[in-house]
Amino acid sequence: MTTQPVATPPVNDNRTDSAMARELIAFRIGEQEFCVDIMSVREIRGWAAATPLPHSPSYVNGVINLRGAVLPIVDLAARLGFPRTEPTARSVIIVVRVEQQLFGLLVDAVSDILTVTDDLLQPTPDLASDLAKTFVRGVMAIEGRMISLIATDSVLPQLQSAA
């Protein structure tokens, strides 16, 4: 009895291209489009009114109850220096995790899931302020749209350690 060699699947020559590809969640704030890395997104939920917190930063809408956990909601438009968002039925909260911190980003609407390669990401223009460069990792031109990649780790200020 002779045994036939087992056929091996063909090698994917595009492994390096797919390894460099990443998925991003694109969303709108006003007329502008932004995106965040899908790996930091935990869920996307409809707008729920937030309970304001006294003496919180102007860009924090308040907190909501997320399955028993207190979730701070950041008005991303206000955090980026745009006029505050007036939530509507189409408004969305993108729940993200940065290290051990979970928080929600209030945006106007989620528009797309993008699969892009790193070569599409252009650096933030030198004309942008240092503050803008803090929040925007880069800009992509995709299908005639300009989409800025938001650095979720810069949205909340660094927590100061207790003295």
C-alpha atoms as a PDB file:
ATOM      1  CA  MET A   1       0.000   0.000   0.000  1.00  0.00           C
ATOM      2  CA  THR A   2       1.432   3.334  -1.036  1.00  0.00           C
ATOM      3  CA  THR A   3       0.591   6.544   0.659  1.00  0.00           C
ATOM      4  CA  GLN A   4      -0.064   9.677  -1.268  1.00  0.00           C
ATOM      5  CA  PRO A   5       1.630  12.847  -0.057  1.00  0.00           C
ATOM      6  CA  VAL A   6      -0.754  15.272   1.547  1.00  0.00           C
ATOM      7  CA  ALA A   7      -1.172  18.411  -0.499  1.00  0.00           C
ATOM      8  CA  THR A   8      -0.209  21.556   1.342  1.00  0.00           C
ATOM      9  CA  PRO A   9      -2.244  24.675   0.843  1.00  0.00           C
ATOM     10  CA  PRO A  10      -0.667  27.276  -1.418  1.00  0.00           C
ATOM     11  CA  VAL A  11       1.441  29.879   0.318  1.00  0.00           C
ATOM     12  CA  ASN A  12      -0.216  33.279   0.486  1.00  0.00           C
ATOM     13  CA  ASP A  13       2.314  35.651  -1.066  1.00  0.00           C
ATOM     14  CA  ASN A  14       0.290  38.618   0.224  1.00  0.00           C
ATOM     15  CA  ARG A  15       0.904  37.795   3.869  1.00  0.00           C
ATOM     16  CA  THR A  16       3.015  40.897   4.403  1.00  0.00           C
ATOM     17  CA  ASP A  17       0.315  43.096   2.854  1.00  0.00           C
ATOM     18  CA  SER A  18      -2.459  41.594   4.950  1.00  0.00           C
ATOM     19  CA  ALA A  19      -0.293  41.699   8.065  1.00  0.00           C
ATOM     20  CA  MET A  20       0.077  45.456   7.622  1.00  0.00           C
ATOM     21  CA  ALA A  21      -3.640  45.945   7.021  1.00  0.00           C
ATOM     22  CA  ARG A  22      -5.762  47.250   9.863  1.00  0.00           C
ATOM     23  CA  GLU A  23      -9.450  47.804  10.361  1.00  0.00           C
ATOM     24  CA  LEU A  24     -10.778  51.195  11.383  1.00  0.00           C
ATOM     25  CA  ILE A  25     -14.215  52.426  12.429  1.00  0.00           C
ATOM     26  CA  ALA A  26     -15.038  55.621  10.511  1.00  0.00           C
ATOM     27  CA  PHE A  27     -17.479  58.141  11.967  1.00  0.00           C
ATOM     28  CA  ARG A  28     -18.721  61.681  11.455  1.00  0.00           C
ATOM     29  CA  ILE A  29     -18.485  64.747  13.608  1.00  0.00           C
ATOM     30  CA  GLY A  30     -20.322  67.511  11.787  1.00  0.00           C
ATOM     31  CA  GLU A  31     -19.136  67.443   8.182  1.00  0.00           C
ATOM     32  CA  GLN A  32     -15.776  65.838   8.964  1.00  0.00           C
ATOM     33  CA  GLU A  33     -14.823  62.183   9.053  1.00  0.00           C
ATOM     34  CA  PHE A  34     -12.583  60.573  11.624  1.00  0.00           C
ATOM     35  CA  CYS A  35     -11.691  57.000  12.519  1.00  0.00           C
ATOM     36  CA  VAL A  36     -10.323  54.913  15.373  1.00  0.00           C
ATOM     37  CA  ASP A  37      -8.589  51.552  15.351  1.00  0.00           C
ATOM     38  CA  ILE A  38     -11.178  48.800  15.658  1.00  0.00           C
ATOM     39  CA  MET A  39      -8.950  46.997  18.188  1.00  0.00           C
ATOM     40  CA  SER A  40      -9.693  49.697  20.786  1.00  0.00           C
ATOM     41  CA  VAL A  41     -13.476  49.574  20.171  1.00  0.00           C
ATOM     42  CA  ARG A  42     -15.481  47.417  22.581  1.00  0.00           C
ATOM     43  CA  GLU A  43     -18.966  48.236  21.284  1.00  0.00           C
ATOM     44  CA  ILE A  44     -21.064  50.790  19.456  1.00  0.00           C
ATOM     45  CA  ARG A  45     -24.337  51.821  21.055  1.00  0.00           C
ATOM     46  CA  GLY A  46     -27.096  54.319  20.483  1.00  0.00           C
ATOM     47  CA  TRP A  47     -27.207  57.596  22.349  1.00  0.00           C
ATOM     48  CA  ALA A  48     -28.257  57.453  25.992  1.00  0.00           C
ATOM     49  CA  ALA A  49     -28.534  60.590  28.099  1.00  0.00           C
ATOM     50  CA  ALA A  50     -25.569  61.001  30.427  1.00  0.00           C
ATOM     51  CA  THR A  51     -25.722  62.096  34.050  1.00  0.00           C
ATOM     52  CA  PRO A  52     -23.549  65.224  34.418  1.00  0.00           C
ATOM     53  CA  LEU A  53     -20.693  65.198  36.902  1.00  0.00           C
ATOM     54  CA  PRO A  54     -19.885  68.364  38.850  1.00  0.00           C
ATOM     55  CA  HIS A  55     -16.550  70.038  38.032  1.00  0.00           C
ATOM     56  CA  SER A  56     -15.828  67.686  35.141  1.00  0.00           C
ATOM     57  CA  PRO A  57     -14.004  68.981  32.049  1.00  0.00           C
ATOM     58  CA  SER A  58     -16.218  70.765  29.501  1.00  0.00           C
ATOM     59  CA  TYR A  59     -15.800  67.919  26.990  1.00  0.00           C
ATOM     60  CA  VAL A  60     -17.199  65.283  29.404  1.00  0.00           C
ATOM     61  CA  ASN A  61     -20.978  64.942  28.985  1.00  0.00           C
ATOM     62  CA  GLY A  62     -21.270  62.875  32.135  1.00  0.00           C
ATOM     63  CA  VAL A  63     -21.581  59.167  32.859  1.00  0.00           C
ATOM     64  CA  ILE A  64     -23.930  56.345  31.871  1.00  0.00           C
ATOM     65  CA  ASN A  65     -24.563  52.904  33.350  1.00  0.00           C
ATOM     66  CA  LEU A  66     -23.054  50.244  31.097  1.00  0.00           C
ATOM     67  CA  ARG A  67     -24.141  46.886  32.474  1.00  0.00           C
ATOM     68  CA  GLY A  68     -23.414  47.959  36.033  1.00  0.00           C
ATOM     69  CA  ALA A  69     -20.228  49.896  35.261  1.00  0.00           C
ATOM     70  CA  VAL A  70     -19.967  53.689  35.305  1.00  0.00           C
ATOM     71  CA  LEU A  71     -18.878  54.817  31.828  1.00  0.00           C
ATOM     72  CA  PRO A  72     -17.685  58.404  31.248  1.00  0.00           C
ATOM     73  CA  ILE A  73     -18.912  59.925  27.972  1.00  0.00           C
ATOM     74  CA  VAL A  74     -16.580  62.269  26.096  1.00  0.00           C
ATOM     75  CA  ASP A  75     -18.061  64.665  23.536  1.00  0.00           C
ATOM     76  CA  LEU A  76     -15.354  64.065  20.933  1.00  0.00           C
ATOM     77  CA  ALA A  77     -16.284  67.211  18.996  1.00  0.00           C
ATOM     78  CA  ALA A  78     -15.734  69.364  22.091  1.00  0.00           C
ATOM     79  CA  ARG A  79     -12.511  67.493  22.935  1.00  0.00           C
ATOM     80  CA  LEU A  80     -11.161  68.230  19.454  1.00  0.00           C
ATOM     81  CA  GLY A  81     -12.034  71.928  19.747  1.00  0.00           C
ATOM     82  CA  PHE A  82     -15.222  71.906  17.659  1.00  0.00           C
ATOM     83  CA  PRO A  83     -18.631  73.116  18.870  1.00  0.00           C
ATOM     84  CA  ARG A  84     -20.301  70.717  21.330  1.00  0.00           C
ATOM     85  CA  THR A  85     -22.435  67.940  19.890  1.00  0.00           C
ATOM     86  CA  GLU A  86     -26.192  68.252  20.306  1.00  0.00           C
ATOM     87  CA  PRO A  87     -27.142  64.566  20.575  1.00  0.00           C
ATOM     88  CA  THR A  88     -29.897  63.281  18.285  1.00  0.00           C
ATOM     89  CA  ALA A  89     -31.489  59.890  17.686  1.00  0.00           C
ATOM     90  CA  ARG A  90     -28.683  59.198  15.161  1.00  0.00           C
ATOM     91  CA  SER A  91     -25.915  60.026  17.638  1.00  0.00           C
ATOM     92  CA  VAL A  92     -23.737  57.113  18.667  1.00  0.00           C
ATOM     93  CA  ILE A  93     -21.500  56.244  21.585  1.00  0.00           C
ATOM     94  CA  ILE A  94     -18.361  54.347  20.578  1.00  0.00           C
ATOM     95  CA  VAL A  95     -17.140  52.507  23.674  1.00  0.00           C
ATOM     96  CA  VAL A  96     -13.337  52.270  23.640  1.00  0.00           C
ATOM     97  CA  ARG A  97     -10.713  50.831  25.945  1.00  0.00           C
ATOM     98  CA  VAL A  98      -7.319  52.450  26.431  1.00  0.00           C
ATOM     99  CA  GLU A  99      -5.151  50.353  28.732  1.00  0.00           C
ATOM    100  CA  GLN A 100      -7.521  49.662  31.660  1.00  0.00           C
ATOM    101  CA  GLN A 101      -9.756  52.731  31.121  1.00  0.00           C
ATOM    102  CA  LEU A 102     -13.142  52.250  29.421  1.00  0.00           C
ATOM    103  CA  PHE A 103     -14.964  55.351  28.122  1.00  0.00           C
ATOM    104  CA  GLY A 104     -17.471  56.374  25.469  1.00  0.00           C
ATOM    105  CA  LEU A 105     -16.957  58.747  22.543  1.00  0.00           C
ATOM    106  CA  LEU A 106     -20.057  60.703  21.514  1.00  0.00           C
ATOM    107  CA  VAL A 107     -20.092  61.116  17.712  1.00  0.00           C
ATOM    108  CA  ASP A 108     -22.746  62.086  15.162  1.00  0.00           C
ATOM    109  CA  ALA A 109     -22.859  58.745  13.321  1.00  0.00           C
ATOM    110  CA  VAL A 110     -20.732  55.739  12.417  1.00  0.00           C
ATOM    111  CA  SER A 111     -20.233  55.699   8.668  1.00  0.00           C
ATOM    112  CA  ASP A 112     -18.015  52.789   7.702  1.00  0.00           C
ATOM    113  CA  ILE A 113     -15.595  50.030   8.606  1.00  0.00           C
ATOM    114  CA  LEU A 114     -12.389  50.518   6.646  1.00  0.00           C
ATOM    115  CA  THR A 115      -9.618  48.044   5.926  1.00  0.00           C
ATOM    116  CA  VAL A 116      -6.485  50.017   5.153  1.00  0.00           C
ATOM    117  CA  THR A 117      -2.760  49.495   4.928  1.00  0.00           C
ATOM    118  CA  ASP A 118      -0.263  51.639   6.797  1.00  0.00           C
ATOM    119  CA  ASP A 119       1.002  53.214   3.573  1.00  0.00           C
ATOM    120  CA  LEU A 120      -2.325  55.098   3.211  1.00  0.00           C
ATOM    121  CA  LEU A 121      -1.751  56.953   6.480  1.00  0.00           C
ATOM    122  CA  GLN A 122      -0.048  60.298   5.889  1.00  0.00           C
ATOM    123  CA  PRO A 123       1.485  62.244   8.775  1.00  0.00           C
ATOM    124  CA  THR A 124      -0.506  65.073  10.332  1.00  0.00           C
ATOM    125  CA  PRO A 125       0.421  68.220   8.355  1.00  0.00           C
ATOM    126  CA  ASP A 126       3.117  70.448   9.888  1.00  0.00           C
ATOM    127  CA  LEU A 127       0.692  73.376   9.765  1.00  0.00           C
ATOM    128  CA  ALA A 128      -1.499  71.691  12.364  1.00  0.00           C
ATOM    129  CA  SER A 129      -1.071  72.851  15.948  1.00  0.00           C
ATOM    130  CA  ASP A 130       0.755  70.688  18.463  1.00  0.00           C
ATOM    131  CA  LEU A 131      -2.590  70.108  20.173  1.00  0.00           C
ATOM    132  CA  ALA A 132      -4.100  68.820  16.893  1.00  0.00           C
ATOM    133  CA  LYS A 133      -1.110  66.498  16.454  1.00  0.00           C
ATOM    134  CA  THR A 134      -1.773  65.157  19.955  1.00  0.00           C
ATOM    135  CA  PHE A 135      -5.205  63.871  18.888  1.00  0.00           C
ATOM    136  CA  VAL A 136      -4.657  63.064  15.194  1.00  0.00           C
ATOM    137  CA  ARG A 137      -2.195  60.272  14.342  1.00  0.00           C
ATOM    138  CA  GLY A 138      -2.461  60.922  10.622  1.00  0.00           C
ATOM    139  CA  VAL A 139      -4.759  61.594   7.677  1.00  0.00           C
ATOM    140  CA  MET A 140      -5.927  59.279   4.891  1.00  0.00           C
ATOM    141  CA  ALA A 141      -7.404  60.055   1.507  1.00  0.00           C
ATOM    142  CA  ILE A 142      -9.853  57.230   0.758  1.00  0.00           C
ATOM    143  CA  GLU A 143     -12.361  57.283  -2.122  1.00  0.00           C
ATOM    144  CA  GLY A 144     -12.288  61.082  -2.285  1.00  0.00           C
ATOM    145  CA  ARG A 145     -12.735  61.444   1.488  1.00  0.00           C
ATOM    146  CA  MET A 146     -10.226  62.866   3.955  1.00  0.00           C
ATOM    147  CA  ILE A 147     -10.326  60.840   7.175  1.00  0.00           C
ATOM    148  CA  SER A 148      -8.283  61.655  10.276  1.00  0.00           C
ATOM    149  CA  LEU A 149      -7.111  58.826  12.538  1.00  0.00           C
ATOM    150  CA  ILE A 150      -7.799  59.698  16.183  1.00  0.00           C
ATOM    151  CA  ALA A 151      -5.318  58.645  18.877  1.00  0.00           C
ATOM    152  CA  THR A 152      -7.721  57.238  21.484  1.00  0.00           C
ATOM    153  CA  ASP A 153      -4.938  57.189  24.068  1.00  0.00           C
ATOM    154  CA  SER A 154      -4.817  61.015  23.910  1.00  0.00           C
ATOM    155  CA  VAL A 155      -8.554  61.672  24.359  1.00  0.00           C
ATOM    156  CA  LEU A 156      -8.494  61.492  28.153  1.00  0.00           C
ATOM    157  CA  PRO A 157      -5.787  63.436  29.985  1.00  0.00           C
ATOM    158  CA  GLN A 158      -3.191  61.345  31.750  1.00  0.00           C
ATOM    159  CA  LEU A 159      -4.385  60.385  35.184  1.00  0.00           C
ATOM    160  CA  GLN A 160      -2.222  61.995  37.797  1.00  0.00           C
ATOM    161  CA  SER A 161      -0.959  59.595  40.391  1.00  0.00           C
ATOM    162  CA  ALA A 162      -2.107  60.278  43.919  1.00  0.00           C
ATOM    163  CA  ALA A 163       0.535  61.907  46.093  1.00  0.00           C
END
